[in-house]
Full PDB file with SEQRES, HELIX, SHEET, SSBOND, CRYST1, ORIGX, SCALE, CONECT and MASTER records, all heavy atoms in Angstrom:
SEQRES   1 A   31  GLU MET LYS LYS ASP ASP LYS LEU PRO SER VAL ARG GLU          
SEQRES   2 A   31  LEU SER ALA GLU LEU ALA ILE ASN PRO ASN THR ILE SER          
SEQRES   3 A   31  ARG ALA TYR ARG GLU                                          
HELIX    1 AA1 VAL A   11  LEU A   18  1                                   8    
HELIX    2 AA2 PRO A   22  ARG A   30  1                                   9    
CRYST1    1.000    1.000    1.000  90.00  90.00  90.00 P 1           1          
ORIGX1      1.000000  0.000000  0.000000        0.00000                         
ORIGX2      0.000000  1.000000  0.000000        0.00000                         
ORIGX3      0.000000  0.000000  1.000000        0.00000                         
SCALE1      1.000000  0.000000  0.000000        0.00000                         
SCALE2      0.000000  1.000000  0.000000        0.00000                         
SCALE3      0.000000  0.000000  1.000000        0.00000                         
ATOM      1  N   GLU A   1       0.869  -1.209  -0.027  1.00  0.00           N  
ATOM      2  CA  GLU A   1       0.000  -0.013   0.000  1.00  0.00           C  
ATOM      3  C   GLU A   1       0.857   1.291   0.015  1.00  0.00           C  
ATOM      4  O   GLU A   1       0.510   2.247  -0.600  1.00  0.00           O  
ATOM      5  CB  GLU A   1      -0.915   0.010   1.217  1.00  0.00           C  
ATOM      6  CG  GLU A   1      -2.006  -0.950   1.206  1.00  0.00           C  
ATOM      7  CD  GLU A   1      -2.820  -0.926   2.450  1.00  0.00           C  
ATOM      8  OE1 GLU A   1      -3.325   0.208   2.816  1.00  0.00           O  
ATOM      9  OE2 GLU A   1      -2.943  -1.945   3.148  1.00  0.00           O  
ATOM     10  N   MET A   2       1.977   1.173   0.706  1.00  0.00           N  
ATOM     11  CA  MET A   2       2.955   2.230   0.706  1.00  0.00           C  
ATOM     12  C   MET A   2       4.204   1.760  -0.003  1.00  0.00           C  
ATOM     13  O   MET A   2       4.699   0.681   0.259  1.00  0.00           O  
ATOM     14  CB  MET A   2       3.275   2.646   2.157  1.00  0.00           C  
ATOM     15  CG  MET A   2       2.142   3.292   2.927  1.00  0.00           C  
ATOM     16  SD  MET A   2       2.671   3.832   4.575  1.00  0.00           S  
ATOM     17  CE  MET A   2       3.551   5.298   4.113  1.00  0.00           C  
ATOM     18  N   LYS A   3       4.702   2.573  -0.941  1.00  0.00           N  
ATOM     19  CA  LYS A   3       5.847   2.190  -1.795  1.00  0.00           C  
ATOM     20  C   LYS A   3       7.057   2.954  -1.311  1.00  0.00           C  
ATOM     21  O   LYS A   3       7.012   3.961  -0.609  1.00  0.00           O  
ATOM     22  CB  LYS A   3       5.527   2.543  -3.248  1.00  0.00           C  
ATOM     23  CG  LYS A   3       4.164   2.029  -3.740  1.00  0.00           C  
ATOM     24  CD  LYS A   3       4.376   0.667  -4.285  1.00  0.00           C  
ATOM     25  CE  LYS A   3       3.098   0.207  -5.005  1.00  0.00           C  
ATOM     26  NZ  LYS A   3       2.448  -0.933  -4.424  1.00  0.00           N  
ATOM     27  N   LYS A   4       8.160   2.521  -1.854  1.00  0.00           N  
ATOM     28  CA  LYS A   4       9.486   3.141  -1.548  1.00  0.00           C  
ATOM     29  C   LYS A   4       9.340   4.626  -1.864  1.00  0.00           C  
ATOM     30  O   LYS A   4       8.887   5.039  -2.885  1.00  0.00           O  
ATOM     31  CB  LYS A   4      10.548   2.503  -2.426  1.00  0.00           C  
ATOM     32  CG  LYS A   4      11.949   3.108  -2.233  1.00  0.00           C  
ATOM     33  CD  LYS A   4      12.975   2.400  -3.166  1.00  0.00           C  
ATOM     34  CE  LYS A   4      14.333   2.925  -3.019  1.00  0.00           C  
ATOM     35  NZ  LYS A   4      14.566   4.318  -3.213  1.00  0.00           N  
ATOM     36  N   ASP A   5       9.953   5.424  -0.968  1.00  0.00           N  
ATOM     37  CA  ASP A   5       9.969   6.879  -1.099  1.00  0.00           C  
ATOM     38  C   ASP A   5       8.607   7.613  -0.940  1.00  0.00           C  
ATOM     39  O   ASP A   5       8.504   8.835  -1.061  1.00  0.00           O  
ATOM     40  CB  ASP A   5      10.629   7.348  -2.398  1.00  0.00           C  
ATOM     41  CG  ASP A   5      12.052   6.952  -2.522  1.00  0.00           C  
ATOM     42  OD1 ASP A   5      12.733   6.876  -1.504  1.00  0.00           O  
ATOM     43  OD2 ASP A   5      12.495   6.633  -3.639  1.00  0.00           O  
ATOM     44  N   ASP A   6       7.552   6.846  -0.555  1.00  0.00           N  
ATOM     45  CA  ASP A   6       6.251   7.554  -0.202  1.00  0.00           C  
ATOM     46  C   ASP A   6       6.540   8.260   1.106  1.00  0.00           C  
ATOM     47  O   ASP A   6       7.244   7.834   1.992  1.00  0.00           O  
ATOM     48  CB  ASP A   6       5.140   6.517   0.041  1.00  0.00           C  
ATOM     49  CG  ASP A   6       4.585   6.011  -1.217  1.00  0.00           C  
ATOM     50  OD1 ASP A   6       4.882   6.515  -2.302  1.00  0.00           O  
ATOM     51  OD2 ASP A   6       3.690   5.091  -1.141  1.00  0.00           O  
ATOM     52  N   LYS A   7       5.940   9.467   1.164  1.00  0.00           N  
ATOM     53  CA  LYS A   7       6.123  10.298   2.425  1.00  0.00           C  
ATOM     54  C   LYS A   7       5.090   9.947   3.459  1.00  0.00           C  
ATOM     55  O   LYS A   7       3.941   9.751   3.149  1.00  0.00           O  
ATOM     56  CB  LYS A   7       5.951  11.778   2.009  1.00  0.00           C  
ATOM     57  CG  LYS A   7       6.326  12.739   3.135  1.00  0.00           C  
ATOM     58  CD  LYS A   7       6.237  14.124   2.673  1.00  0.00           C  
ATOM     59  CE  LYS A   7       6.730  15.174   3.642  1.00  0.00           C  
ATOM     60  NZ  LYS A   7       6.488  14.984   5.033  1.00  0.00           N  
ATOM     61  N   LEU A   8       5.613   9.761   4.672  1.00  0.00           N  
ATOM     62  CA  LEU A   8       4.748   9.611   5.804  1.00  0.00           C  
ATOM     63  C   LEU A   8       4.176  10.913   6.308  1.00  0.00           C  
ATOM     64  O   LEU A   8       4.842  11.949   6.089  1.00  0.00           O  
ATOM     65  CB  LEU A   8       5.489   8.894   6.944  1.00  0.00           C  
ATOM     66  CG  LEU A   8       5.605   7.372   6.899  1.00  0.00           C  
ATOM     67  CD1 LEU A   8       6.528   6.946   5.738  1.00  0.00           C  
ATOM     68  CD2 LEU A   8       6.219   6.878   8.206  1.00  0.00           C  
ATOM     69  N   PRO A   9       3.054  10.935   6.975  1.00  0.00           N  
ATOM     70  CA  PRO A   9       2.562  12.193   7.540  1.00  0.00           C  
ATOM     71  C   PRO A   9       3.565  12.700   8.534  1.00  0.00           C  
ATOM     72  O   PRO A   9       4.246  11.957   9.200  1.00  0.00           O  
ATOM     73  CB  PRO A   9       1.264  11.852   8.184  1.00  0.00           C  
ATOM     74  CG  PRO A   9       0.967  10.445   7.895  1.00  0.00           C  
ATOM     75  CD  PRO A   9       2.182   9.856   7.256  1.00  0.00           C  
ATOM     76  N   SER A  10       3.567  14.074   8.704  1.00  0.00           N  
ATOM     77  CA  SER A  10       4.437  14.627   9.756  1.00  0.00           C  
ATOM     78  C   SER A  10       4.017  14.153  11.119  1.00  0.00           C  
ATOM     79  O   SER A  10       2.867  13.755  11.277  1.00  0.00           O  
ATOM     80  CB  SER A  10       4.446  16.109   9.614  1.00  0.00           C  
ATOM     81  OG  SER A  10       3.227  16.633  10.170  1.00  0.00           O  
ATOM     82  N   VAL A  11       4.905  14.259  12.033  1.00  0.00           N  
ATOM     83  CA  VAL A  11       4.583  13.909  13.461  1.00  0.00           C  
ATOM     84  C   VAL A  11       3.391  14.719  13.912  1.00  0.00           C  
ATOM     85  O   VAL A  11       2.430  14.140  14.491  1.00  0.00           O  
ATOM     86  CB  VAL A  11       5.766  14.095  14.399  1.00  0.00           C  
ATOM     87  CG1 VAL A  11       5.377  13.992  15.852  1.00  0.00           C  
ATOM     88  CG2 VAL A  11       6.873  13.098  14.035  1.00  0.00           C  
ATOM     89  N   ARG A  12       3.396  15.994  13.642  1.00  0.00           N  
ATOM     90  CA  ARG A  12       2.310  16.857  14.053  1.00  0.00           C  
ATOM     91  C   ARG A  12       1.002  16.494  13.399  1.00  0.00           C  
ATOM     92  O   ARG A  12      -0.071  16.432  14.027  1.00  0.00           O  
ATOM     93  CB  ARG A  12       2.587  18.321  13.777  1.00  0.00           C  
ATOM     94  CG  ARG A  12       3.590  18.897  14.705  1.00  0.00           C  
ATOM     95  CD  ARG A  12       3.730  20.358  14.406  1.00  0.00           C  
ATOM     96  NE  ARG A  12       4.810  20.896  15.268  1.00  0.00           N  
ATOM     97  CZ  ARG A  12       5.108  22.172  15.350  1.00  0.00           C  
ATOM     98  NH1 ARG A  12       4.442  23.060  14.595  1.00  0.00           N  
ATOM     99  NH2 ARG A  12       6.097  22.611  16.142  1.00  0.00           N  
ATOM    100  N   GLU A  13       1.028  16.225  12.073  1.00  0.00           N  
ATOM    101  CA  GLU A  13      -0.236  15.899  11.369  1.00  0.00           C  
ATOM    102  C   GLU A  13      -0.827  14.565  11.913  1.00  0.00           C  
ATOM    103  O   GLU A  13      -2.055  14.521  12.149  1.00  0.00           O  
ATOM    104  CB  GLU A  13       0.096  15.673   9.848  1.00  0.00           C  
ATOM    105  CG  GLU A  13       0.422  16.893   9.097  1.00  0.00           C  
ATOM    106  CD  GLU A  13       0.911  16.547   7.683  1.00  0.00           C  
ATOM    107  OE1 GLU A  13       1.299  15.355   7.417  1.00  0.00           O  
ATOM    108  OE2 GLU A  13       0.950  17.456   6.842  1.00  0.00           O  
ATOM    109  N   LEU A  14       0.024  13.566  12.068  1.00  0.00           N  
ATOM    110  CA  LEU A  14      -0.498  12.276  12.520  1.00  0.00           C  
ATOM    111  C   LEU A  14      -0.955  12.299  13.944  1.00  0.00           C  
ATOM    112  O   LEU A  14      -2.015  11.734  14.274  1.00  0.00           O  
ATOM    113  CB  LEU A  14       0.564  11.194  12.291  1.00  0.00           C  
ATOM    114  CG  LEU A  14       0.071   9.768  12.489  1.00  0.00           C  
ATOM    115  CD1 LEU A  14      -1.137   9.383  11.523  1.00  0.00           C  
ATOM    116  CD2 LEU A  14       1.162   8.777  12.213  1.00  0.00           C  
ATOM    117  N   SER A  15      -0.261  12.992  14.814  1.00  0.00           N  
ATOM    118  CA  SER A  15      -0.646  13.101  16.227  1.00  0.00           C  
ATOM    119  C   SER A  15      -1.975  13.851  16.298  1.00  0.00           C  
ATOM    120  O   SER A  15      -2.816  13.479  17.112  1.00  0.00           O  
ATOM    121  CB  SER A  15       0.421  13.707  17.095  1.00  0.00           C  
ATOM    122  OG  SER A  15       0.631  15.082  16.747  1.00  0.00           O  
ATOM    123  N   ALA A  16      -2.210  14.867  15.496  1.00  0.00           N  
ATOM    124  CA  ALA A  16      -3.428  15.637  15.528  1.00  0.00           C  
ATOM    125  C   ALA A  16      -4.562  14.724  14.989  1.00  0.00           C  
ATOM    126  O   ALA A  16      -5.684  14.674  15.539  1.00  0.00           O  
ATOM    127  CB  ALA A  16      -3.342  16.887  14.715  1.00  0.00           C  
ATOM    128  N   GLU A  17      -4.310  14.019  13.915  1.00  0.00           N  
ATOM    129  CA  GLU A  17      -5.326  13.141  13.260  1.00  0.00           C  
ATOM    130  C   GLU A  17      -5.763  12.042  14.234  1.00  0.00           C  
ATOM    131  O   GLU A  17      -6.929  11.683  14.320  1.00  0.00           O  
ATOM    132  CB  GLU A  17      -4.744  12.506  12.011  1.00  0.00           C  
ATOM    133  CG  GLU A  17      -5.744  11.660  11.236  1.00  0.00           C  
ATOM    134  CD  GLU A  17      -5.192  11.054   9.974  1.00  0.00           C  
ATOM    135  OE1 GLU A  17      -4.410  11.741   9.326  1.00  0.00           O  
ATOM    136  OE2 GLU A  17      -5.399   9.888   9.711  1.00  0.00           O  
ATOM    137  N   LEU A  18      -4.814  11.427  14.966  1.00  0.00           N  
ATOM    138  CA  LEU A  18      -5.071  10.352  15.860  1.00  0.00           C  
ATOM    139  C   LEU A  18      -5.470  10.780  17.306  1.00  0.00           C  
ATOM    140  O   LEU A  18      -5.760   9.994  18.136  1.00  0.00           O  
ATOM    141  CB  LEU A  18      -3.945   9.353  15.910  1.00  0.00           C  
ATOM    142  CG  LEU A  18      -3.592   8.692  14.591  1.00  0.00           C  
ATOM    143  CD1 LEU A  18      -2.331   7.812  14.737  1.00  0.00           C  
ATOM    144  CD2 LEU A  18      -4.769   7.843  14.050  1.00  0.00           C  
ATOM    145  N   ALA A  19      -5.204  12.093  17.492  1.00  0.00           N  
ATOM    146  CA  ALA A  19      -5.441  12.686  18.847  1.00  0.00           C  
ATOM    147  C   ALA A  19      -4.609  11.997  19.921  1.00  0.00           C  
ATOM    148  O   ALA A  19      -5.086  11.611  21.006  1.00  0.00           O  
ATOM    149  CB  ALA A  19      -6.959  12.674  19.240  1.00  0.00           C  
ATOM    150  N   ILE A  20      -3.282  11.835  19.613  1.00  0.00           N  
ATOM    151  CA  ILE A  20      -2.342  11.262  20.565  1.00  0.00           C  
ATOM    152  C   ILE A  20      -1.107  12.150  20.661  1.00  0.00           C  
ATOM    153  O   ILE A  20      -0.905  13.041  19.782  1.00  0.00           O  
ATOM    154  CB  ILE A  20      -1.961   9.845  20.194  1.00  0.00           C  
ATOM    155  CG1 ILE A  20      -1.320   9.738  18.814  1.00  0.00           C  
ATOM    156  CG2 ILE A  20      -3.126   8.873  20.339  1.00  0.00           C  
ATOM    157  CD1 ILE A  20      -0.843   8.360  18.436  1.00  0.00           C  
ATOM    158  N   ASN A  21      -0.368  11.987  21.656  1.00  0.00           N  
ATOM    159  CA  ASN A  21       0.841  12.732  21.948  1.00  0.00           C  
ATOM    160  C   ASN A  21       1.849  12.661  20.771  1.00  0.00           C  
ATOM    161  O   ASN A  21       2.161  11.552  20.367  1.00  0.00           O  
ATOM    162  CB  ASN A  21       1.488  12.276  23.270  1.00  0.00           C  
ATOM    163  CG  ASN A  21       2.564  13.142  23.747  1.00  0.00           C  
ATOM    164  OD1 ASN A  21       3.463  13.554  23.094  1.00  0.00           O  
ATOM    165  ND2 ASN A  21       2.451  13.496  25.038  1.00  0.00           N  
ATOM    166  N   PRO A  22       2.381  13.731  20.339  1.00  0.00           N  
ATOM    167  CA  PRO A  22       3.365  13.748  19.287  1.00  0.00           C  
ATOM    168  C   PRO A  22       4.627  12.894  19.603  1.00  0.00           C  
ATOM    169  O   PRO A  22       5.221  12.243  18.733  1.00  0.00           O  
ATOM    170  CB  PRO A  22       3.784  15.218  19.128  1.00  0.00           C  
ATOM    171  CG  PRO A  22       2.688  16.013  19.632  1.00  0.00           C  
ATOM    172  CD  PRO A  22       2.089  15.134  20.739  1.00  0.00           C  
ATOM    173  N   ASN A  23       5.003  12.810  20.899  1.00  0.00           N  
ATOM    174  CA  ASN A  23       6.132  11.997  21.303  1.00  0.00           C  
ATOM    175  C   ASN A  23       5.891  10.485  21.012  1.00  0.00           C  
ATOM    176  O   ASN A  23       6.814   9.779  20.698  1.00  0.00           O  
ATOM    177  CB  ASN A  23       6.378  12.125  22.846  1.00  0.00           C  
ATOM    178  CG  ASN A  23       6.903  13.523  23.154  1.00  0.00           C  
ATOM    179  OD1 ASN A  23       7.549  14.158  22.300  1.00  0.00           O  
ATOM    180  ND2 ASN A  23       6.599  14.004  24.337  1.00  0.00           N  
ATOM    181  N   THR A  24       4.628  10.083  21.028  1.00  0.00           N  
ATOM    182  CA  THR A  24       4.272   8.696  20.687  1.00  0.00           C  
ATOM    183  C   THR A  24       4.527   8.430  19.198  1.00  0.00           C  
ATOM    184  O   THR A  24       5.144   7.391  18.864  1.00  0.00           O  
ATOM    185  CB  THR A  24       2.815   8.458  21.016  1.00  0.00           C  
ATOM    186  OG1 THR A  24       2.548   8.733  22.366  1.00  0.00           O  
ATOM    187  CG2 THR A  24       2.356   7.028  20.671  1.00  0.00           C  
ATOM    188  N   ILE A  25       4.213   9.382  18.364  1.00  0.00           N  
ATOM    189  CA  ILE A  25       4.425   9.206  16.911  1.00  0.00           C  
ATOM    190  C   ILE A  25       5.933   9.274  16.659  1.00  0.00           C  
ATOM    191  O   ILE A  25       6.495   8.480  15.877  1.00  0.00           O  
ATOM    192  CB  ILE A  25       3.749  10.338  16.109  1.00  0.00           C  
ATOM    193  CG1 ILE A  25       2.249  10.276  16.362  1.00  0.00           C  
ATOM    194  CG2 ILE A  25       4.045  10.168  14.595  1.00  0.00           C  
ATOM    195  CD1 ILE A  25       1.536   9.000  16.047  1.00  0.00           C  
ATOM    196  N   SER A  26       6.609  10.176  17.284  1.00  0.00           N  
ATOM    197  CA  SER A  26       8.123  10.318  17.164  1.00  0.00           C  
ATOM    198  C   SER A  26       8.759   8.991  17.546  1.00  0.00           C  
ATOM    199  O   SER A  26       9.713   8.531  16.829  1.00  0.00           O  
ATOM    200  CB  SER A  26       8.670  11.368  18.047  1.00  0.00           C  
ATOM    201  OG  SER A  26       8.239  12.634  17.603  1.00  0.00           O  
ATOM    202  N   ARG A  27       8.335   8.350  18.599  1.00  0.00           N  
ATOM    203  CA  ARG A  27       8.958   7.131  18.996  1.00  0.00           C  
ATOM    204  C   ARG A  27       8.640   6.002  17.950  1.00  0.00           C  
ATOM    205  O   ARG A  27       9.519   5.228  17.654  1.00  0.00           O  
ATOM    206  CB  ARG A  27       8.381   6.669  20.382  1.00  0.00           C  
ATOM    207  CG  ARG A  27       8.995   5.333  20.819  1.00  0.00           C  
ATOM    208  CD  ARG A  27       8.678   5.038  22.269  1.00  0.00           C  
ATOM    209  NE  ARG A  27       9.409   3.814  22.678  1.00  0.00           N  
ATOM    210  CZ  ARG A  27       9.195   3.224  23.772  1.00  0.00           C  
ATOM    211  NH1 ARG A  27       8.353   3.757  24.670  1.00  0.00           N  
ATOM    212  NH2 ARG A  27       9.825   2.113  24.103  1.00  0.00           N  
ATOM    213  N   ALA A  28       7.455   5.944  17.482  1.00  0.00           N  
ATOM    214  CA  ALA A  28       7.106   4.986  16.428  1.00  0.00           C  
ATOM    215  C   ALA A  28       8.003   5.166  15.161  1.00  0.00           C  
ATOM    216  O   ALA A  28       8.552   4.197  14.630  1.00  0.00           O  
ATOM    217  CB  ALA A  28       5.653   5.067  16.014  1.00  0.00           C  
ATOM    218  N   TYR A  29       8.169   6.404  14.757  1.00  0.00           N  
ATOM    219  CA  TYR A  29       8.992   6.712  13.593  1.00  0.00           C  
ATOM    220  C   TYR A  29      10.449   6.370  13.835  1.00  0.00           C  
ATOM    221  O   TYR A  29      11.105   5.789  13.000  1.00  0.00           O  
ATOM    222  CB  TYR A  29       8.876   8.217  13.213  1.00  0.00           C  
ATOM    223  CG  TYR A  29       7.646   8.551  12.469  1.00  0.00           C  
ATOM    224  CD1 TYR A  29       6.521   7.712  12.315  1.00  0.00           C  
ATOM    225  CD2 TYR A  29       7.460   9.818  11.903  1.00  0.00           C  
ATOM    226  CE1 TYR A  29       5.428   8.049  11.634  1.00  0.00           C  
ATOM    227  CE2 TYR A  29       6.341  10.171  11.204  1.00  0.00           C  
ATOM    228  CZ  TYR A  29       5.295   9.323  11.109  1.00  0.00           C  
ATOM    229  OH  TYR A  29       4.163   9.608  10.398  1.00  0.00           O  
ATOM    230  N   ARG A  30      10.936   6.653  15.044  1.00  0.00           N  
ATOM    231  CA  ARG A  30      12.331   6.309  15.391  1.00  0.00           C  
ATOM    232  C   ARG A  30      12.547   4.785  15.334  1.00  0.00           C  
ATOM    233  O   ARG A  30      13.560   4.307  14.744  1.00  0.00           O  
ATOM    234  CB  ARG A  30      12.630   6.792  16.833  1.00  0.00           C  
ATOM    235  CG  ARG A  30      13.713   7.854  16.900  1.00  0.00           C  
ATOM    236  CD  ARG A  30      14.120   8.191  18.358  1.00  0.00           C  
ATOM    237  NE  ARG A  30      13.295   7.814  19.467  1.00  0.00           N  
ATOM    238  CZ  ARG A  30      12.330   8.515  20.047  1.00  0.00           C  
ATOM    239  NH1 ARG A  30      12.044   9.721  19.502  1.00  0.00           N  
ATOM    240  NH2 ARG A  30      11.646   8.093  20.993  1.00  0.00           N  
ATOM    241  N   GLU A  31      11.645   4.021  15.892  1.00  0.00           N  
ATOM    242  CA  GLU A  31      11.742   2.579  15.901  1.00  0.00           C  
ATOM    243  C   GLU A  31      11.617   2.053  14.428  1.00  0.00           C  
ATOM    244  O   GLU A  31      12.370   1.119  14.133  1.00  0.00           O  
ATOM    245  CB  GLU A  31      10.656   1.980  16.752  1.00  0.00           C  
ATOM    246  CG  GLU A  31      10.796   2.303  18.209  1.00  0.00           C  
ATOM    247  CD  GLU A  31      11.951   1.579  18.885  1.00  0.00           C  
ATOM    248  OE1 GLU A  31      12.271   0.424  18.477  1.00  0.00           O  
ATOM    249  OE2 GLU A  31      12.555   2.166  19.832  1.00  0.00           O  
TER     250      GLU A  31                                                      
MASTER        0    0    0    2    0    0    0    6  249    1    0    3          
END                                                                             
């Protein structure tokens, strides 16, 4: 569904969309 070089939503965008802490998204992206 996601291909090489597809852009992920920014940490702020995704945290706002999911209504969760941006640090949670940052940790997921780091991992």
